[in-house]
PDB file of all heavy atoms in Angstrom:
ATOM      1  N   GLY A   1    -109.776  58.189 -99.736  1.00  0.00           N
ATOM      2  CA  GLY A   1    -109.055  57.125 -99.060  1.00  0.00           C
ATOM      3  C   GLY A   1    -107.561  57.349 -99.178  1.00  0.00           C
ATOM      4  O   GLY A   1    -107.078  57.867-100.188  1.00  0.00           O
ATOM      5  N   LEU A   2    -106.829  56.985 -98.125  1.00  0.00           N
ATOM      6  CA  LEU A   2    -105.372  57.145 -98.113  1.00  0.00           C
ATOM      7  C   LEU A   2    -104.749  55.907 -97.483  1.00  0.00           C
ATOM      8  O   LEU A   2    -105.114  55.515 -96.374  1.00  0.00           O
ATOM      9  CB  LEU A   2    -104.985  58.395 -97.318  1.00  0.00           C
ATOM     10  CG  LEU A   2    -103.490  58.654 -97.123  1.00  0.00           C
ATOM     11  CD1 LEU A   2    -102.811  58.921 -98.463  1.00  0.00           C
ATOM     12  CD2 LEU A   2    -103.263  59.821 -96.171  1.00  0.00           C
ATOM     13  N   ASP A   3    -103.808  55.295 -98.188  1.00  0.00           N
ATOM     14  CA  ASP A   3    -103.138  54.089 -97.710  1.00  0.00           C
ATOM     15  C   ASP A   3    -101.636  54.359 -97.608  1.00  0.00           C
ATOM     16  O   ASP A   3    -100.926  54.370 -98.604  1.00  0.00           O
ATOM     17  CB  ASP A   3    -103.401  52.925 -98.669  1.00  0.00           C
ATOM     18  CG  ASP A   3    -102.923  51.598 -98.102  1.00  0.00           C
ATOM     19  OD1 ASP A   3    -102.006  51.611 -97.272  1.00  0.00           O
ATOM     20  OD2 ASP A   3    -103.470  50.553 -98.485  1.00  0.00           O
ATOM     21  N   LEU A   4    -101.177  54.580 -96.378  1.00  0.00           N
ATOM     22  CA  LEU A   4     -99.753  54.817 -96.137  1.00  0.00           C
ATOM     23  C   LEU A   4     -99.160  53.701 -95.278  1.00  0.00           C
ATOM     24  O   LEU A   4     -98.202  53.921 -94.535  1.00  0.00           O
ATOM     25  CB  LEU A   4     -99.545  56.171 -95.446  1.00  0.00           C
ATOM     26  CG  LEU A   4     -99.896  57.418 -96.256  1.00  0.00           C
ATOM     27  CD1 LEU A   4     -99.625  58.681 -95.437  1.00  0.00           C
ATOM     28  CD2 LEU A   4     -99.121  57.471 -97.567  1.00  0.00           C
ATOM     29  N   GLN A   5     -99.715  52.519 -95.372  1.00  0.00           N
ATOM     30  CA  GLN A   5     -99.186  51.419 -94.581  1.00  0.00           C
ATOM     31  C   GLN A   5     -97.804  51.017 -95.065  1.00  0.00           C
ATOM     32  O   GLN A   5     -97.483  51.105 -96.244  1.00  0.00           O
ATOM     33  CB  GLN A   5    -100.135  50.221 -94.618  1.00  0.00           C
ATOM     34  CG  GLN A   5    -100.365  49.617 -95.993  1.00  0.00           C
ATOM     35  CD  GLN A   5    -101.189  48.348 -95.919  1.00  0.00           C
ATOM     36  OE1 GLN A   5    -100.801  47.390 -95.256  1.00  0.00           O
ATOM     37  NE2 GLN A   5    -102.342  48.351 -96.581  1.00  0.00           N
ATOM     38  N   ASN A   6     -96.968  50.607 -94.091  1.00  0.00           N
ATOM     39  CA  ASN A   6     -95.618  50.131 -94.371  1.00  0.00           C
ATOM     40  C   ASN A   6     -94.771  51.180 -95.100  1.00  0.00           C
ATOM     41  O   ASN A   6     -94.101  50.887 -96.089  1.00  0.00           O
ATOM     42  CB  ASN A   6     -95.674  48.839 -95.187  1.00  0.00           C
ATOM     43  CG  ASN A   6     -94.373  48.060 -95.108  1.00  0.00           C
ATOM     44  OD1 ASN A   6     -93.591  48.235 -94.181  1.00  0.00           O
ATOM     45  ND2 ASN A   6     -94.135  47.210 -96.090  1.00  0.00           N
ATOM     46  N   CYS A   7     -94.800  52.416 -94.578  1.00  0.00           N
ATOM     47  CA  CYS A   7     -94.042  53.512 -95.191  1.00  0.00           C
ATOM     48  C   CYS A   7     -92.944  54.045 -94.271  1.00  0.00           C
ATOM     49  O   CYS A   7     -92.378  55.106 -94.533  1.00  0.00           O
ATOM     50  CB  CYS A   7     -94.975  54.658 -95.575  1.00  0.00           C
ATOM     51  SG  CYS A   7     -96.054  54.299 -96.969  1.00  0.00           S
ATOM     52  N   SER A   8     -92.661  53.332 -93.182  1.00  0.00           N
ATOM     53  CA  SER A   8     -91.610  53.731 -92.229  1.00  0.00           C
ATOM     54  C   SER A   8     -91.838  55.130 -91.665  1.00  0.00           C
ATOM     55  O   SER A   8     -90.898  55.903 -91.479  1.00  0.00           O
ATOM     56  CB  SER A   8     -90.223  53.647 -92.893  1.00  0.00           C
ATOM     57  OG  SER A   8     -89.962  52.351 -93.372  1.00  0.00           O
ATOM     58  N   LEU A   9     -93.069  55.446 -91.366  1.00  0.00           N
ATOM     59  CA  LEU A   9     -93.419  56.782 -90.868  1.00  0.00           C
ATOM     60  C   LEU A   9     -93.421  56.812 -89.340  1.00  0.00           C
ATOM     61  O   LEU A   9     -94.049  55.983 -88.698  1.00  0.00           O
ATOM     62  CB  LEU A   9     -94.807  57.185 -91.370  1.00  0.00           C
ATOM     63  CG  LEU A   9     -95.010  57.273 -92.888  1.00  0.00           C
ATOM     64  CD1 LEU A   9     -96.472  57.572 -93.190  1.00  0.00           C
ATOM     65  CD2 LEU A   9     -94.104  58.318 -93.491  1.00  0.00           C
ATOM     66  N   GLU A  10     -92.722  57.808 -88.775  1.00  0.00           N
ATOM     67  CA  GLU A  10     -92.813  58.057 -87.341  1.00  0.00           C
ATOM     68  C   GLU A  10     -93.966  59.010 -87.038  1.00  0.00           C
ATOM     69  O   GLU A  10     -94.492  59.027 -85.935  1.00  0.00           O
ATOM     70  CB  GLU A  10     -91.501  58.620 -86.806  1.00  0.00           C
ATOM     71  CG  GLU A  10     -90.355  57.616 -86.846  1.00  0.00           C
ATOM     72  CD  GLU A  10     -89.116  58.135 -86.156  1.00  0.00           C
ATOM     73  OE1 GLU A  10     -89.144  59.296 -85.681  1.00  0.00           O
ATOM     74  OE2 GLU A  10     -88.116  57.404 -86.089  1.00  0.00           O
ATOM     75  N   ASP A  11     -94.315  59.831 -88.017  1.00  0.00           N
ATOM     76  CA  ASP A  11     -95.506  60.681 -87.947  1.00  0.00           C
ATOM     77  C   ASP A  11     -96.021  60.862 -89.367  1.00  0.00           C
ATOM     78  O   ASP A  11     -95.270  60.685 -90.333  1.00  0.00           O
ATOM     79  CB  ASP A  11     -95.196  62.043 -87.304  1.00  0.00           C
ATOM     80  CG  ASP A  11     -94.170  62.832 -88.099  1.00  0.00           C
ATOM     81  OD1 ASP A  11     -94.547  63.421 -89.134  1.00  0.00           O
ATOM     82  OD2 ASP A  11     -92.986  62.870 -87.703  1.00  0.00           O
ATOM     83  N   PRO A  12     -97.298  61.187 -89.539  1.00  0.00           N
ATOM     84  CA  PRO A  12     -97.872  61.266 -90.889  1.00  0.00           C
ATOM     85  C   PRO A  12     -97.254  62.337 -91.783  1.00  0.00           C
ATOM     86  O   PRO A  12     -97.409  62.281 -92.994  1.00  0.00           O
ATOM     87  CB  PRO A  12     -99.354  61.570 -90.614  1.00  0.00           C
ATOM     88  CG  PRO A  12     -99.596  61.004 -89.254  1.00  0.00           C
ATOM     89  CD  PRO A  12     -98.330  61.259 -88.497  1.00  0.00           C
ATOM     90  N   GLY A  13     -96.568  63.330 -91.220  1.00  0.00           N
ATOM     91  CA  GLY A  13     -95.882  64.327 -92.035  1.00  0.00           C
ATOM     92  C   GLY A  13     -96.688  65.588 -92.277  1.00  0.00           C
ATOM     93  O   GLY A  13     -97.896  65.647 -92.037  1.00  0.00           O
ATOM     94  N   PRO A  14     -96.033  66.644 -92.779  1.00  0.00           N
ATOM     95  CA  PRO A  14     -96.678  67.952 -92.958  1.00  0.00           C
ATOM     96  C   PRO A  14     -97.762  67.983 -94.033  1.00  0.00           C
ATOM     97  O   PRO A  14     -98.612  68.877 -94.025  1.00  0.00           O
ATOM     98  CB  PRO A  14     -95.513  68.878 -93.333  1.00  0.00           C
ATOM     99  CG  PRO A  14     -94.478  67.959 -93.921  1.00  0.00           C
ATOM    100  CD  PRO A  14     -94.610  66.665 -93.181  1.00  0.00           C
ATOM    101  N   ASN A  15     -97.728  67.041 -94.973  1.00  0.00           N
ATOM    102  CA  ASN A  15     -98.734  67.022 -96.040  1.00  0.00           C
ATOM    103  C   ASN A  15     -99.999  66.260 -95.657  1.00  0.00           C
ATOM    104  O   ASN A  15    -100.963  66.239 -96.415  1.00  0.00           O
ATOM    105  CB  ASN A  15     -98.143  66.397 -97.316  1.00  0.00           C
ATOM    106  CG  ASN A  15     -97.044  67.239 -97.924  1.00  0.00           C
ATOM    107  OD1 ASN A  15     -97.100  68.464 -97.890  1.00  0.00           O
ATOM    108  ND2 ASN A  15     -96.036  66.582 -98.468  1.00  0.00           N
ATOM    109  N   PHE A  16     -99.986  65.660 -94.485  1.00  0.00           N
ATOM    110  CA  PHE A  16    -101.119  64.825 -94.078  1.00  0.00           C
ATOM    111  C   PHE A  16    -102.450  65.574 -94.050  1.00  0.00           C
ATOM    112  O   PHE A  16    -103.486  64.994 -94.397  1.00  0.00           O
ATOM    113  CB  PHE A  16    -100.834  64.203 -92.713  1.00  0.00           C
ATOM    114  CG  PHE A  16    -101.800  63.122 -92.322  1.00  0.00           C
ATOM    115  CD1 PHE A  16    -101.844  61.913 -92.993  1.00  0.00           C
ATOM    116  CD2 PHE A  16    -102.698  63.331 -91.285  1.00  0.00           C
ATOM    117  CE1 PHE A  16    -102.740  60.926 -92.640  1.00  0.00           C
ATOM    118  CE2 PHE A  16    -103.595  62.352 -90.917  1.00  0.00           C
ATOM    119  CZ  PHE A  16    -103.621  61.136 -91.594  1.00  0.00           C
ATOM    120  N   PRO A  17    -102.502  66.851 -93.641  1.00  0.00           N
ATOM    121  CA  PRO A  17    -103.786  67.573 -93.648  1.00  0.00           C
ATOM    122  C   PRO A  17    -104.455  67.654 -95.011  1.00  0.00           C
ATOM    123  O   PRO A  17    -105.647  67.956 -95.093  1.00  0.00           O
ATOM    124  CB  PRO A  17    -103.405  68.976 -93.138  1.00  0.00           C
ATOM    125  CG  PRO A  17    -102.204  68.739 -92.286  1.00  0.00           C
ATOM    126  CD  PRO A  17    -101.445  67.649 -92.978  1.00  0.00           C
ATOM    127  N   GLN A  18    -103.717  67.383 -96.093  1.00  0.00           N
ATOM    128  CA  GLN A  18    -104.326  67.374 -97.421  1.00  0.00           C
ATOM    129  C   GLN A  18    -105.393  66.290 -97.539  1.00  0.00           C
ATOM    130  O   GLN A  18    -106.266  66.370 -98.404  1.00  0.00           O
ATOM    131  CB  GLN A  18    -103.257  67.151 -98.499  1.00  0.00           C
ATOM    132  CG  GLN A  18    -102.237  68.265 -98.612  1.00  0.00           C
ATOM    133  CD  GLN A  18    -101.127  67.933 -99.603  1.00  0.00           C
ATOM    134  OE1 GLN A  18    -101.048  66.821-100.126  1.00  0.00           O
ATOM    135  NE2 GLN A  18    -100.262  68.896 -99.862  1.00  0.00           N
ATOM    136  N   ALA A  19    -105.342  65.299 -96.666  1.00  0.00           N
ATOM    137  CA  ALA A  19    -106.286  64.176 -96.715  1.00  0.00           C
ATOM    138  C   ALA A  19    -107.443  64.366 -95.746  1.00  0.00           C
ATOM    139  O   ALA A  19    -108.074  63.387 -95.342  1.00  0.00           O
ATOM    140  CB  ALA A  19    -105.557  62.872 -96.409  1.00  0.00           C
ATOM    141  N   TYR A  20    -107.753  65.621 -95.386  1.00  0.00           N
ATOM    142  CA  TYR A  20    -108.797  65.869 -94.385  1.00  0.00           C
ATOM    143  C   TYR A  20    -110.184  65.420 -94.851  1.00  0.00           C
ATOM    144  O   TYR A  20    -111.098  65.262 -94.037  1.00  0.00           O
ATOM    145  CB  TYR A  20    -108.829  67.354 -94.014  1.00  0.00           C
ATOM    146  CG  TYR A  20    -109.430  68.253 -95.062  1.00  0.00           C
ATOM    147  CD1 TYR A  20    -110.766  68.646 -94.996  1.00  0.00           C
ATOM    148  CD2 TYR A  20    -108.669  68.709 -96.136  1.00  0.00           C
ATOM    149  CE1 TYR A  20    -111.322  69.469 -95.965  1.00  0.00           C
ATOM    150  CE2 TYR A  20    -109.214  69.520 -97.102  1.00  0.00           C
ATOM    151  CZ  TYR A  20    -110.535  69.904 -97.008  1.00  0.00           C
ATOM    152  OH  TYR A  20    -111.078  70.726 -97.979  1.00  0.00           O
ATOM    153  N   THR A  21    -110.364  65.202 -96.143  1.00  0.00           N
ATOM    154  CA  THR A  21    -111.664  64.753 -96.671  1.00  0.00           C
ATOM    155  C   THR A  21    -111.791  63.234 -96.676  1.00  0.00           C
ATOM    156  O   THR A  21    -112.843  62.715 -97.071  1.00  0.00           O
ATOM    157  CB  THR A  21    -111.840  65.263 -98.112  1.00  0.00           C
ATOM    158  OG1 THR A  21    -110.702  64.869 -98.899  1.00  0.00           O
ATOM    159  CG2 THR A  21    -111.952  66.779 -98.149  1.00  0.00           C
ATOM    160  N   ALA A  22    -110.760  62.523 -96.245  1.00  0.00           N
ATOM    161  CA  ALA A  22    -110.749  61.061 -96.339  1.00  0.00           C
ATOM    162  C   ALA A  22    -111.800  60.423 -95.448  1.00  0.00           C
ATOM    163  O   ALA A  22    -112.055  60.870 -94.331  1.00  0.00           O
ATOM    164  CB  ALA A  22    -109.372  60.525 -95.979  1.00  0.00           C
ATOM    165  N   VAL A  23    -112.390  59.360 -95.962  1.00  0.00           N
ATOM    166  CA  VAL A  23    -113.346  58.552 -95.214  1.00  0.00           C
ATOM    167  C   VAL A  23    -112.630  57.362 -94.577  1.00  0.00           C
ATOM    168  O   VAL A  23    -113.022  56.901 -93.504  1.00  0.00           O
ATOM    169  CB  VAL A  23    -114.479  58.065 -96.137  1.00  0.00           C
ATOM    170  CG1 VAL A  23    -115.448  57.149 -95.399  1.00  0.00           C
ATOM    171  CG2 VAL A  23    -115.230  59.255 -96.731  1.00  0.00           C
ATOM    172  N   ILE A  24    -111.565  56.893 -95.221  1.00  0.00           N
ATOM    173  CA  ILE A  24    -110.815  55.743 -94.715  1.00  0.00           C
ATOM    174  C   ILE A  24    -109.317  56.012 -94.873  1.00  0.00           C
ATOM    175  O   ILE A  24    -108.871  56.502 -95.918  1.00  0.00           O
ATOM    176  CB  ILE A  24    -111.225  54.443 -95.450  1.00  0.00           C
ATOM    177  CG1 ILE A  24    -110.405  53.261 -94.940  1.00  0.00           C
ATOM    178  CG2 ILE A  24    -111.117  54.585 -96.965  1.00  0.00           C
ATOM    179  CD1 ILE A  24    -110.902  51.915 -95.439  1.00  0.00           C
ATOM    180  N   ILE A  25    -108.544  55.716 -93.825  1.00  0.00           N
ATOM    181  CA  ILE A  25    -107.092  55.906 -93.826  1.00  0.00           C
ATOM    182  C   ILE A  25    -106.434  54.678 -93.209  1.00  0.00           C
ATOM    183  O   ILE A  25    -106.873  54.188 -92.166  1.00  0.00           O
ATOM    184  CB  ILE A  25    -106.689  57.174 -93.048  1.00  0.00           C
ATOM    185  CG1 ILE A  25    -107.237  58.436 -93.741  1.00  0.00           C
ATOM    186  CG2 ILE A  25    -105.170  57.278 -92.919  1.00  0.00           C
ATOM    187  CD1 ILE A  25    -106.942  59.722 -92.996  1.00  0.00           C
ATOM    188  N   ASP A  26    -105.374  54.211 -93.840  1.00  0.00           N
ATOM    189  CA  ASP A  26    -104.629  53.044 -93.341  1.00  0.00           C
ATOM    190  C   ASP A  26    -103.186  53.466 -93.047  1.00  0.00           C
ATOM    191  O   ASP A  26    -102.447  53.854 -93.950  1.00  0.00           O
ATOM    192  CB  ASP A  26    -104.649  51.924 -94.380  1.00  0.00           C
ATOM    193  CG  ASP A  26    -104.190  50.591 -93.796  1.00  0.00           C
ATOM    194  OD1 ASP A  26    -103.440  50.614 -92.806  1.00  0.00           O
ATOM    195  OD2 ASP A  26    -104.585  49.542 -94.323  1.00  0.00           O
ATOM    196  N   LEU A  27    -102.804  53.394 -91.766  1.00  0.00           N
ATOM    197  CA  LEU A  27    -101.451  53.763 -91.345  1.00  0.00           C
ATOM    198  C   LEU A  27    -100.730  52.609 -90.653  1.00  0.00           C
ATOM    199  O   LEU A  27     -99.718  52.825 -89.979  1.00  0.00           O
ATOM    200  CB  LEU A  27    -101.505  54.960 -90.390  1.00  0.00           C
ATOM    201  CG  LEU A  27    -101.998  56.285 -90.964  1.00  0.00           C
ATOM    202  CD1 LEU A  27    -102.142  57.317 -89.851  1.00  0.00           C
ATOM    203  CD2 LEU A  27    -101.063  56.806 -92.040  1.00  0.00           C
ATOM    204  N   GLN A  28    -101.228  51.411 -90.806  1.00  0.00           N
ATOM    205  CA  GLN A  28    -100.631  50.273 -90.109  1.00  0.00           C
ATOM    206  C   GLN A  28     -99.227  49.982 -90.631  1.00  0.00           C
ATOM    207  O   GLN A  28     -98.822  50.449 -91.694  1.00  0.00           O
ATOM    208  CB  GLN A  28    -101.509  49.031 -90.274  1.00  0.00           C
ATOM    209  CG  GLN A  28    -101.637  48.521 -91.692  1.00  0.00           C
ATOM    210  CD  GLN A  28    -102.491  47.276 -91.773  1.00  0.00           C
ATOM    211  OE1 GLN A  28    -102.234  46.293 -91.088  1.00  0.00           O
ATOM    212  NE2 GLN A  28    -103.531  47.317 -92.602  1.00  0.00           N
ATOM    213  N   ALA A  29     -98.465  49.191 -89.840  1.00  0.00           N
ATOM    214  CA  ALA A  29     -97.101  48.780 -90.191  1.00  0.00           C
ATOM    215  C   ALA A  29     -96.167  49.975 -90.323  1.00  0.00           C
ATOM    216  O   ALA A  29     -95.299  50.007 -91.197  1.00  0.00           O
ATOM    217  CB  ALA A  29     -97.097  47.949 -91.485  1.00  0.00           C
TER     218      ALA A  29
END
């Protein structure tokens, strides 16, 4: 699981592929 909500992200960033095994991801706000 990965929770990056409310992180002022315009895109998930270059490290985002590290979470390819995630079942749930939160990118809201």
